[in-house]
Amino acid sequence: MNYLLAILLPPLSIFLAGRPILGIITFLIWIPALFLSGGLTHPMFILLAWFIIFEGRNRQA
């Protein structure tokens, strides 16, 4: 479920993955990046969120 959320709202997904400070910082960078690049940077934030979710699952196991 968190991977699907990472596609739509990467900062929220990062926040829910247990990295709240990184989620807030990502949100502050994500909003201007969406408007200034026309959405071209969105895949970069998706990959970041997926990496953090994957890292969090490996850390717990």
C-alpha atoms as a PDB file:
ATOM      1  CA  MET A   1       0.000   0.000   0.000  1.00  0.00           C
ATOM      2  CA  ASN A   2       2.830   2.362   0.832  1.00  0.00           C
ATOM      3  CA  TYR A   3       4.371   1.775  -2.617  1.00  0.00           C
ATOM      4  CA  LEU A   4       1.141   2.943  -4.268  1.00  0.00           C
ATOM      5  CA  LEU A   5       1.102   5.992  -2.028  1.00  0.00           C
ATOM      6  CA  ALA A   6       4.709   6.658  -3.078  1.00  0.00           C
ATOM      7  CA  ILE A   7       3.552   7.019  -6.677  1.00  0.00           C
ATOM      8  CA  LEU A   8       0.902   9.599  -5.811  1.00  0.00           C
ATOM      9  CA  LEU A   9       2.374  11.467  -2.812  1.00  0.00           C
ATOM     10  CA  PRO A  10       6.039  10.592  -2.227  1.00  0.00           C
ATOM     11  CA  PRO A  11       6.575  12.919   0.782  1.00  0.00           C
ATOM     12  CA  LEU A  12       3.615  11.422   2.656  1.00  0.00           C
ATOM     13  CA  SER A  13       4.870   7.939   1.903  1.00  0.00           C
ATOM     14  CA  ILE A  14       8.310   8.826   3.271  1.00  0.00           C
ATOM     15  CA  PHE A  15       6.677  10.303   6.367  1.00  0.00           C
ATOM     16  CA  LEU A  16       4.646   7.129   6.954  1.00  0.00           C
ATOM     17  CA  ALA A  17       7.716   4.932   6.399  1.00  0.00           C
ATOM     18  CA  GLY A  18       9.115   6.207   9.669  1.00  0.00           C
ATOM     19  CA  ARG A  19      11.230   9.121   8.433  1.00  0.00           C
ATOM     20  CA  PRO A  20       9.153  12.188   9.424  1.00  0.00           C
ATOM     21  CA  ILE A  21      11.905  14.818   9.175  1.00  0.00           C
ATOM     22  CA  LEU A  22      12.977  13.576   5.753  1.00  0.00           C
ATOM     23  CA  GLY A  23       9.307  13.540   4.710  1.00  0.00           C
ATOM     24  CA  ILE A  24       8.895  17.201   5.664  1.00  0.00           C
ATOM     25  CA  ILE A  25      12.122  18.216   3.909  1.00  0.00           C
ATOM     26  CA  THR A  26      11.089  16.266   0.821  1.00  0.00           C
ATOM     27  CA  PHE A  27       7.692  17.971   0.844  1.00  0.00           C
ATOM     28  CA  LEU A  28       9.324  21.394   0.972  1.00  0.00           C
ATOM     29  CA  ILE A  29      11.445  20.510  -2.068  1.00  0.00           C
ATOM     30  CA  TRP A  30       8.762  18.505  -3.915  1.00  0.00           C
ATOM     31  CA  ILE A  31       6.109  21.237  -4.208  1.00  0.00           C
ATOM     32  CA  PRO A  32       8.299  23.864  -5.946  1.00  0.00           C
ATOM     33  CA  ALA A  33       9.955  21.160  -8.066  1.00  0.00           C
ATOM     34  CA  LEU A  34       6.567  20.039  -9.385  1.00  0.00           C
ATOM     35  CA  PHE A  35       5.607  23.528 -10.481  1.00  0.00           C
ATOM     36  CA  LEU A  36       8.980  24.676 -11.774  1.00  0.00           C
ATOM     37  CA  SER A  37       9.756  21.551 -13.806  1.00  0.00           C
ATOM     38  CA  GLY A  38       6.214  20.796 -14.893  1.00  0.00           C
ATOM     39  CA  GLY A  39       6.238  17.427 -13.145  1.00  0.00           C
ATOM     40  CA  LEU A  40       9.465  16.135 -14.684  1.00  0.00           C
ATOM     41  CA  THR A  41      11.087  15.667 -11.259  1.00  0.00           C
ATOM     42  CA  HIS A  42       8.212  13.591  -9.857  1.00  0.00           C
ATOM     43  CA  PRO A  43       9.804  10.224 -10.856  1.00  0.00           C
ATOM     44  CA  MET A  44      12.914  11.162  -8.886  1.00  0.00           C
ATOM     45  CA  PHE A  45      10.835  11.578  -5.719  1.00  0.00           C
ATOM     46  CA  ILE A  46       9.010   8.301  -6.408  1.00  0.00           C
ATOM     47  CA  LEU A  47      12.342   6.473  -6.590  1.00  0.00           C
ATOM     48  CA  LEU A  48      13.485   8.142  -3.387  1.00  0.00           C
ATOM     49  CA  ALA A  49      10.306   7.053  -1.594  1.00  0.00           C
ATOM     50  CA  TRP A  50      10.582   3.478  -2.887  1.00  0.00           C
ATOM     51  CA  PHE A  51      14.203   3.288  -1.755  1.00  0.00           C
ATOM     52  CA  ILE A  52      13.324   4.528   1.737  1.00  0.00           C
ATOM     53  CA  ILE A  53      10.385   2.106   2.041  1.00  0.00           C
ATOM     54  CA  PHE A  54      12.577  -0.793   0.877  1.00  0.00           C
ATOM     55  CA  GLU A  55      15.373   0.209   3.254  1.00  0.00           C
ATOM     56  CA  GLY A  56      12.931   0.430   6.157  1.00  0.00           C
ATOM     57  CA  ARG A  57      11.573  -3.040   5.483  1.00  0.00           C
ATOM     58  CA  ASN A  58      15.084  -4.515   5.331  1.00  0.00           C
ATOM     59  CA  ARG A  59      16.044  -2.761   8.563  1.00  0.00           C
ATOM     60  CA  GLN A  60      13.047  -4.264  10.398  1.00  0.00           C
ATOM     61  CA  ALA A  61      13.658  -7.813   9.186  1.00  0.00           C
END
